[in-house]
Protein backbone atom coordinates (compact mmCIF):
# COMPACT_ATOMS: atom_id res chain seq x y z
CA MET A 1 108.52 166.03 -42.25
CA THR A 2 106.83 164.52 -39.32
CA GLY A 3 109.13 161.51 -39.63
CA VAL A 4 112.22 163.72 -39.45
CA LYS A 5 110.80 165.62 -36.53
CA ALA A 6 109.98 162.38 -34.72
CA ARG A 7 113.55 161.11 -35.21
CA GLN A 8 115.01 164.35 -33.91
CA GLU A 9 112.74 164.23 -30.88
CA LYS A 10 113.77 160.61 -30.32
CA LYS A 11 117.46 161.60 -30.45
CA VAL A 12 116.85 164.43 -27.99
CA ARG A 13 115.02 162.04 -25.64
CA ARG A 14 117.92 159.53 -25.86
CA LYS A 15 120.45 162.24 -25.05
CA LYS A 16 118.37 163.38 -22.08
CA TYR A 17 117.95 159.78 -20.93
CA ARG A 18 121.72 159.14 -21.17
CA ALA A 19 122.52 162.39 -19.38
CA ASN A 20 119.92 161.62 -16.74
CA ARG A 21 121.28 158.09 -16.39
CA ALA A 22 124.83 159.38 -15.91
CA SER A 23 123.60 161.88 -13.32
CA MET A 24 121.76 159.14 -11.44
CA PHE A 25 124.88 156.96 -11.52
CA LEU A 26 126.94 159.80 -10.04
CA VAL A 27 124.34 160.46 -7.35
CA VAL A 28 124.28 156.79 -6.38
CA LEU A 29 128.07 156.68 -6.36
CA VAL A 30 128.27 159.73 -4.08
CA LEU A 31 125.68 158.20 -1.76
CA LEU A 32 127.64 154.95 -1.56
CA VAL A 33 130.85 156.82 -0.78
CA LEU A 34 129.07 158.80 1.93
CA ALA A 35 127.61 155.62 3.40
CA GLY A 36 131.09 154.07 3.48
CA VAL A 37 132.62 157.09 5.19
CA ILE A 38 129.83 157.21 7.75
CA SER A 39 130.25 153.49 8.46
CA VAL A 40 133.98 153.85 9.04
CA ASN A 41 133.46 156.85 11.32
CA SER A 42 130.72 155.01 13.17
CA ILE A 43 133.09 152.16 13.99
CA GLY A 44 135.65 154.63 15.32
CA LEU A 45 133.03 156.44 17.40
CA ARG A 46 131.80 153.20 18.91
CA ALA A 47 135.35 152.33 19.96
CA LYS A 48 135.75 155.76 21.53
CA ALA A 49 132.40 155.38 23.31
CA LYS A 50 133.52 152.07 24.84
CA GLN A 51 136.77 153.69 25.91
CA HIS A 52 134.89 156.57 27.52
CA GLU A 53 132.56 154.16 29.32
CA ALA A 54 135.56 152.32 30.77
CA THR A 55 137.12 155.61 31.86
CA GLN A 56 133.82 156.70 33.39
CA ALA A 57 133.55 153.44 35.36
CA GLU A 58 137.11 153.83 36.62
CA LEU A 59 136.47 157.42 37.66
CA GLN A 60 133.25 156.40 39.43
CA THR A 61 135.25 153.82 41.40
CA GLN A 62 137.78 156.49 42.34
CA ILE A 63 135.00 158.83 43.42
CA GLU A 64 133.52 156.16 45.68
CA ALA A 65 136.95 155.45 47.19
CA GLU A 66 137.54 159.15 47.84
CA GLU A 67 134.10 159.51 49.44
CA LYS A 68 134.89 156.60 51.76
CA ARG A 69 138.25 158.16 52.57
CA THR A 70 136.54 161.48 53.30
CA GLU A 71 134.19 159.74 55.74
CA GLU A 72 137.16 158.09 57.47
CA ILE A 73 138.94 161.44 57.75
CA GLU A 74 135.81 163.06 59.20
CA ASP A 75 135.49 160.22 61.72
CA LEU A 76 139.15 160.62 62.66
CA GLU A 77 138.67 164.37 63.01
CA ASP A 78 135.75 163.78 65.38
CA TYR A 79 137.83 161.27 67.37
CA VAL A 80 140.84 163.61 67.59
CA GLY A 81 138.60 166.32 69.03
CA SER A 82 137.19 164.02 71.73
CA ASP A 83 138.32 163.35 75.30
CA ALA A 84 138.86 159.68 74.44
CA TYR A 85 141.66 160.66 72.04
CA VAL A 86 143.34 162.80 74.71
CA GLU A 87 143.15 159.93 77.21
CA ASP A 88 144.49 157.36 74.72
CA THR A 89 147.36 159.64 73.73
CA ALA A 90 148.23 160.35 77.37
CA ARG A 91 148.28 156.61 78.12
CA GLU A 92 150.30 155.56 75.09
CA LYS A 93 152.83 158.33 74.73
CA LEU A 94 153.15 159.74 78.23
CA GLY A 95 152.32 156.65 80.28
CA LEU A 96 149.78 158.52 82.40
CA VAL A 97 147.09 156.64 84.37
CA TYR A 98 144.18 157.54 86.65
CA GLU A 99 144.87 157.72 90.40
CA ASN A 100 143.02 154.53 91.37
CA GLU A 101 144.02 152.57 88.27
CA ILE A 102 146.25 149.50 88.52
CA ILE A 103 148.45 148.54 85.56
CA PHE A 104 149.59 144.99 84.97
CA LYS A 105 152.59 144.36 82.81
CA ALA A 106 153.39 140.99 81.30
CA GLN A 107 156.78 139.53 82.10
């Protein structure tokens, strides 16, 4: 009877081994599929990251240009509020001069 029992135990072990082997195969297959999906998504994310970096660089350039423009506007605002601006405008648009000033015109 020990021989029959040993054969039955051997059959049970084979069935467990086959079932375990199939489970391991499925686990490996799922892991490979997941690795493939992650790789594909990684490529897409890298492309998006490069695109975002380019956009960020372009926006940084625009920010610098706008800051420079803001400085120019502030300088112009200071100039417009000064006496020099009033004098220049009076000379150019109204043709006004100081009393002792002599104007030479080219012929």
